[in-house]
């Protein structure tokens, strides 16, 4: 099962539209995860229309219209893996311990907010993934998103995709 993981799209405040490589990856994915900060409902509608399956949450920059349509936490089991999605996971210091305590029955936690890619595994085995942002790289050298595969209870081929600078 092919997965696309994105967050913090911030359209139209940080970009006018989603980057073409991200949309191409959406079209190829079996499941798309979005960890919040959409900013507009048009981007949600676009991903709903293009995604085979969308697992998504709202973020701190999302207003009432998005909060009415999206939960603060989403959970799904795919191919024997238990996923949870949230926008914020708190400060980097202590993140693994905090998230492991908050999501004890989870194999993979997808989160956003920082715009900083993150891929770690806690001592208890919880995998934490932050795809960065495809539109607002902030202090990072590149705008980014993640792809991966889920199969037989394993997360495979996790890959960070760097996007070219916007023109």
C-alpha atoms as a PDB file:
ATOM      1  CA  UNK A   1       0.000   0.000   0.000  1.00  0.00           C
ATOM      2  CA  UNK A   2       1.505   3.317  -1.122  1.00  0.00           C
ATOM      3  CA  UNK A   3       1.342   6.208   1.348  1.00  0.00           C
ATOM      4  CA  UNK A   4       1.815   9.939   0.885  1.00  0.00           C
ATOM      5  CA  UNK A   5       2.395  12.020   4.024  1.00  0.00           C
ATOM      6  CA  UNK A   6       2.113  15.802   3.998  1.00  0.00           C
ATOM      7  CA  UNK A   7       1.294  18.667   6.333  1.00  0.00           C
ATOM      8  CA  UNK A   8       1.345  22.425   6.670  1.00  0.00           C
ATOM      9  CA  UNK A   9       0.280  23.219   3.122  1.00  0.00           C
ATOM     10  CA  UNK A  10      -0.852  26.743   4.100  1.00  0.00           C
ATOM     11  CA  UNK A  11      -2.574  27.475   0.774  1.00  0.00           C
ATOM     12  CA  UNK A  12      -3.069  30.303  -0.157  1.00  0.00           C
ATOM     13  CA  UNK A  13      -1.134  32.120   2.591  1.00  0.00           C
ATOM     14  CA  UNK A  14       2.304  30.549   1.946  1.00  0.00           C
ATOM     15  CA  UNK A  15       1.764  29.385  -1.643  1.00  0.00           C
ATOM     16  CA  UNK A  16      -0.880  29.921  -4.296  1.00  0.00           C
ATOM     17  CA  UNK A  17      -1.205  26.186  -5.001  1.00  0.00           C
ATOM     18  CA  UNK A  18       0.235  22.803  -4.128  1.00  0.00           C
ATOM     19  CA  UNK A  19       3.447  21.839  -5.973  1.00  0.00           C
ATOM     20  CA  UNK A  20       3.037  19.587  -9.020  1.00  0.00           C
ATOM     21  CA  UNK A  21       5.320  16.813  -7.651  1.00  0.00           C
ATOM     22  CA  UNK A  22       3.181  16.604  -4.514  1.00  0.00           C
ATOM     23  CA  UNK A  23      -0.023  16.354  -6.570  1.00  0.00           C
ATOM     24  CA  UNK A  24       1.554  13.641  -8.744  1.00  0.00           C
ATOM     25  CA  UNK A  25       2.398  11.703  -5.572  1.00  0.00           C
ATOM     26  CA  UNK A  26      -1.188  12.149  -4.336  1.00  0.00           C
ATOM     27  CA  UNK A  27      -2.426  10.586  -7.578  1.00  0.00           C
ATOM     28  CA  UNK A  28      -0.109   7.575  -7.102  1.00  0.00           C
ATOM     29  CA  UNK A  29      -0.902   6.962  -3.412  1.00  0.00           C
ATOM     30  CA  UNK A  30      -3.407   4.508  -2.002  1.00  0.00           C
ATOM     31  CA  UNK A  31      -3.683   6.601   1.165  1.00  0.00           C
ATOM     32  CA  UNK A  32      -2.862  10.281   1.720  1.00  0.00           C
ATOM     33  CA  UNK A  33      -2.155  11.617   5.208  1.00  0.00           C
ATOM     34  CA  UNK A  34      -2.385  15.351   5.943  1.00  0.00           C
ATOM     35  CA  UNK A  35      -1.373  16.532   9.428  1.00  0.00           C
ATOM     36  CA  UNK A  36      -3.135  19.899   9.425  1.00  0.00           C
ATOM     37  CA  UNK A  37      -2.676  23.586   8.658  1.00  0.00           C
ATOM     38  CA  UNK A  38      -4.542  23.517   5.371  1.00  0.00           C
ATOM     39  CA  UNK A  39      -5.744  27.131   5.804  1.00  0.00           C
ATOM     40  CA  UNK A  40      -8.411  26.862   3.084  1.00  0.00           C
ATOM     41  CA  UNK A  41     -11.184  24.378   2.362  1.00  0.00           C
ATOM     42  CA  UNK A  42     -10.354  24.365  -1.369  1.00  0.00           C
ATOM     43  CA  UNK A  43      -7.149  22.437  -0.663  1.00  0.00           C
ATOM     44  CA  UNK A  44      -9.078  19.906   1.424  1.00  0.00           C
ATOM     45  CA  UNK A  45     -11.613  19.531  -1.395  1.00  0.00           C
ATOM     46  CA  UNK A  46      -8.804  19.102  -3.934  1.00  0.00           C
ATOM     47  CA  UNK A  47      -7.151  16.318  -1.929  1.00  0.00           C
ATOM     48  CA  UNK A  48     -10.494  14.651  -1.253  1.00  0.00           C
ATOM     49  CA  UNK A  49     -11.184  14.606  -4.993  1.00  0.00           C
ATOM     50  CA  UNK A  50      -7.715  13.344  -5.971  1.00  0.00           C
ATOM     51  CA  UNK A  51      -7.064  10.887  -3.134  1.00  0.00           C
ATOM     52  CA  UNK A  52      -8.181   7.299  -3.126  1.00  0.00           C
ATOM     53  CA  UNK A  53      -8.358   7.664   0.673  1.00  0.00           C
ATOM     54  CA  UNK A  54      -7.568  10.725   2.816  1.00  0.00           C
ATOM     55  CA  UNK A  55      -6.718  10.571   6.532  1.00  0.00           C
ATOM     56  CA  UNK A  56      -6.493  14.132   7.828  1.00  0.00           C
ATOM     57  CA  UNK A  57      -6.743  16.474  10.800  1.00  0.00           C
ATOM     58  CA  UNK A  58      -7.051  20.225  11.330  1.00  0.00           C
ATOM     59  CA  UNK A  59      -4.184  22.385  12.582  1.00  0.00           C
ATOM     60  CA  UNK A  60      -3.777  25.523  14.649  1.00  0.00           C
ATOM     61  CA  UNK A  61      -4.061  27.775  11.553  1.00  0.00           C
ATOM     62  CA  UNK A  62      -7.304  26.185  10.371  1.00  0.00           C
ATOM     63  CA  UNK A  63     -10.521  28.089  10.946  1.00  0.00           C
ATOM     64  CA  UNK A  64     -14.048  26.966  11.806  1.00  0.00           C
ATOM     65  CA  UNK A  65     -14.904  25.634   8.332  1.00  0.00           C
ATOM     66  CA  UNK A  66     -11.997  23.170   8.421  1.00  0.00           C
ATOM     67  CA  UNK A  67     -12.477  22.319  12.090  1.00  0.00           C
ATOM     68  CA  UNK A  68     -16.093  21.363  11.329  1.00  0.00           C
ATOM     69  CA  UNK A  69     -14.917  18.905   8.680  1.00  0.00           C
ATOM     70  CA  UNK A  70     -11.743  17.495  10.255  1.00  0.00           C
ATOM     71  CA  UNK A  71     -10.931  16.002  13.670  1.00  0.00           C
ATOM     72  CA  UNK A  72      -8.023  17.052  15.887  1.00  0.00           C
ATOM     73  CA  UNK A  73      -6.786  13.442  15.959  1.00  0.00           C
ATOM     74  CA  UNK A  74      -7.353  10.735  13.354  1.00  0.00           C
ATOM     75  CA  UNK A  75      -6.668   7.016  13.707  1.00  0.00           C
ATOM     76  CA  UNK A  76      -6.625   4.299  11.076  1.00  0.00           C
ATOM     77  CA  UNK A  77      -5.289   0.775  10.721  1.00  0.00           C
ATOM     78  CA  UNK A  78      -3.708  -0.076   7.383  1.00  0.00           C
ATOM     79  CA  UNK A  79      -2.132  -3.403   6.478  1.00  0.00           C
ATOM     80  CA  UNK A  80      -1.607  -4.299  10.123  1.00  0.00           C
ATOM     81  CA  UNK A  81      -0.152  -0.901  11.131  1.00  0.00           C
ATOM     82  CA  UNK A  82      -1.956   1.387  13.564  1.00  0.00           C
ATOM     83  CA  UNK A  83      -1.575   5.046  12.537  1.00  0.00           C
ATOM     84  CA  UNK A  84      -2.483   8.204  14.425  1.00  0.00           C
ATOM     85  CA  UNK A  85      -2.384  11.706  12.957  1.00  0.00           C
ATOM     86  CA  UNK A  86      -2.175  14.977  14.913  1.00  0.00           C
ATOM     87  CA  UNK A  87      -1.005  18.442  14.064  1.00  0.00           C
ATOM     88  CA  UNK A  88       1.056  19.381  17.102  1.00  0.00           C
ATOM     89  CA  UNK A  89       3.307  17.091  19.123  1.00  0.00           C
ATOM     90  CA  UNK A  90       4.854  19.727  21.383  1.00  0.00           C
ATOM     91  CA  UNK A  91       8.510  20.752  21.647  1.00  0.00           C
ATOM     92  CA  UNK A  92      11.227  18.564  20.147  1.00  0.00           C
ATOM     93  CA  UNK A  93      12.773  17.942  23.574  1.00  0.00           C
ATOM     94  CA  UNK A  94      10.973  14.989  25.147  1.00  0.00           C
ATOM     95  CA  UNK A  95       8.814  14.349  22.063  1.00  0.00           C
ATOM     96  CA  UNK A  96       9.415  10.595  21.890  1.00  0.00           C
ATOM     97  CA  UNK A  97       8.497   9.969  25.527  1.00  0.00           C
ATOM     98  CA  UNK A  98       5.486  12.315  25.416  1.00  0.00           C
ATOM     99  CA  UNK A  99       4.091  10.787  22.212  1.00  0.00           C
ATOM    100  CA  UNK A 100       4.728   7.233  23.354  1.00  0.00           C
ATOM    101  CA  UNK A 101       2.703   7.935  26.515  1.00  0.00           C
ATOM    102  CA  UNK A 102      -0.083   9.715  24.586  1.00  0.00           C
ATOM    103  CA  UNK A 103      -0.372   7.103  21.791  1.00  0.00           C
ATOM    104  CA  UNK A 104       0.317   3.735  23.450  1.00  0.00           C
ATOM    105  CA  UNK A 105      -1.689   1.686  20.924  1.00  0.00           C
ATOM    106  CA  UNK A 106      -0.096   3.265  17.852  1.00  0.00           C
ATOM    107  CA  UNK A 107       2.662   2.042  15.539  1.00  0.00           C
ATOM    108  CA  UNK A 108       3.136   5.240  13.498  1.00  0.00           C
ATOM    109  CA  UNK A 109       2.377   8.823  14.571  1.00  0.00           C
ATOM    110  CA  UNK A 110       2.167  11.381  11.766  1.00  0.00           C
ATOM    111  CA  UNK A 111       2.449  14.991  12.929  1.00  0.00           C
ATOM    112  CA  UNK A 112       3.099  18.461  11.538  1.00  0.00           C
ATOM    113  CA  UNK A 113       3.291  22.024  12.841  1.00  0.00           C
ATOM    114  CA  UNK A 114       7.076  22.567  12.958  1.00  0.00           C
ATOM    115  CA  UNK A 115       7.690  22.388   9.185  1.00  0.00           C
ATOM    116  CA  UNK A 116      10.794  20.369  10.126  1.00  0.00           C
ATOM    117  CA  UNK A 117      11.066  16.805   8.782  1.00  0.00           C
ATOM    118  CA  UNK A 118      11.330  14.241  11.568  1.00  0.00           C
ATOM    119  CA  UNK A 119      11.755  10.462  11.507  1.00  0.00           C
ATOM    120  CA  UNK A 120      12.539   8.674  14.758  1.00  0.00           C
ATOM    121  CA  UNK A 121      11.496   5.525  16.580  1.00  0.00           C
ATOM    122  CA  UNK A 122      10.929   5.501  20.330  1.00  0.00           C
ATOM    123  CA  UNK A 123      12.403   2.814  22.596  1.00  0.00           C
ATOM    124  CA  UNK A 124       8.909   1.260  22.707  1.00  0.00           C
ATOM    125  CA  UNK A 125       8.730   1.106  18.893  1.00  0.00           C
ATOM    126  CA  UNK A 126       6.498   4.095  18.032  1.00  0.00           C
ATOM    127  CA  UNK A 127       7.604   5.603  14.714  1.00  0.00           C
ATOM    128  CA  UNK A 128       7.224   9.401  14.589  1.00  0.00           C
ATOM    129  CA  UNK A 129       7.022  11.038  11.161  1.00  0.00           C
ATOM    130  CA  UNK A 130       6.807  14.722  10.260  1.00  0.00           C
ATOM    131  CA  UNK A 131       6.890  15.404   6.518  1.00  0.00           C
ATOM    132  CA  UNK A 132       7.911  19.061   6.840  1.00  0.00           C
ATOM    133  CA  UNK A 133       5.976  21.378   4.536  1.00  0.00           C
ATOM    134  CA  UNK A 134       5.661  21.292   0.730  1.00  0.00           C
ATOM    135  CA  UNK A 135       5.039  25.046   0.567  1.00  0.00           C
ATOM    136  CA  UNK A 136       6.749  26.758   3.523  1.00  0.00           C
ATOM    137  CA  UNK A 137      10.242  25.482   4.240  1.00  0.00           C
ATOM    138  CA  UNK A 138      10.908  28.067   6.956  1.00  0.00           C
ATOM    139  CA  UNK A 139      14.448  27.413   8.221  1.00  0.00           C
ATOM    140  CA  UNK A 140      14.837  24.204   6.210  1.00  0.00           C
ATOM    141  CA  UNK A 141      16.871  24.019   2.995  1.00  0.00           C
ATOM    142  CA  UNK A 142      13.959  22.480   1.043  1.00  0.00           C
ATOM    143  CA  UNK A 143      10.192  22.197   1.055  1.00  0.00           C
ATOM    144  CA  UNK A 144       9.362  18.514   1.607  1.00  0.00           C
ATOM    145  CA  UNK A 145       6.872  15.659   1.867  1.00  0.00           C
ATOM    146  CA  UNK A 146       7.156  11.935   2.631  1.00  0.00           C
ATOM    147  CA  UNK A 147       6.195   8.718   0.883  1.00  0.00           C
ATOM    148  CA  UNK A 148       6.240   5.208   2.325  1.00  0.00           C
ATOM    149  CA  UNK A 149       4.687   1.777   1.949  1.00  0.00           C
ATOM    150  CA  UNK A 150       2.666  -0.225   4.464  1.00  0.00           C
ATOM    151  CA  UNK A 151       2.729  -3.989   4.138  1.00  0.00           C
ATOM    152  CA  UNK A 152       2.169  -6.889   6.516  1.00  0.00           C
ATOM    153  CA  UNK A 153       2.483  -4.793   9.682  1.00  0.00           C
ATOM    154  CA  UNK A 154       5.639  -3.015   8.529  1.00  0.00           C
ATOM    155  CA  UNK A 155       6.369   0.518   7.367  1.00  0.00           C
ATOM    156  CA  UNK A 156       8.751   0.335   4.418  1.00  0.00           C
ATOM    157  CA  UNK A 157      10.635   2.636   2.074  1.00  0.00           C
ATOM    158  CA  UNK A 158      10.093   5.872   4.025  1.00  0.00           C
ATOM    159  CA  UNK A 159      11.445   8.561   1.726  1.00  0.00           C
ATOM    160  CA  UNK A 160      11.758  12.318   2.198  1.00  0.00           C
ATOM    161  CA  UNK A 161      11.109  14.169  -1.073  1.00  0.00           C
ATOM    162  CA  UNK A 162      12.757  17.545  -1.566  1.00  0.00           C
ATOM    163  CA  UNK A 163      10.860  19.946  -3.756  1.00  0.00           C
ATOM    164  CA  UNK A 164      12.531  22.397  -6.125  1.00  0.00           C
ATOM    165  CA  UNK A 165      12.421  26.092  -5.176  1.00  0.00           C
ATOM    166  CA  UNK A 166       9.257  27.882  -6.255  1.00  0.00           C
ATOM    167  CA  UNK A 167       9.562  30.125  -9.244  1.00  0.00           C
END
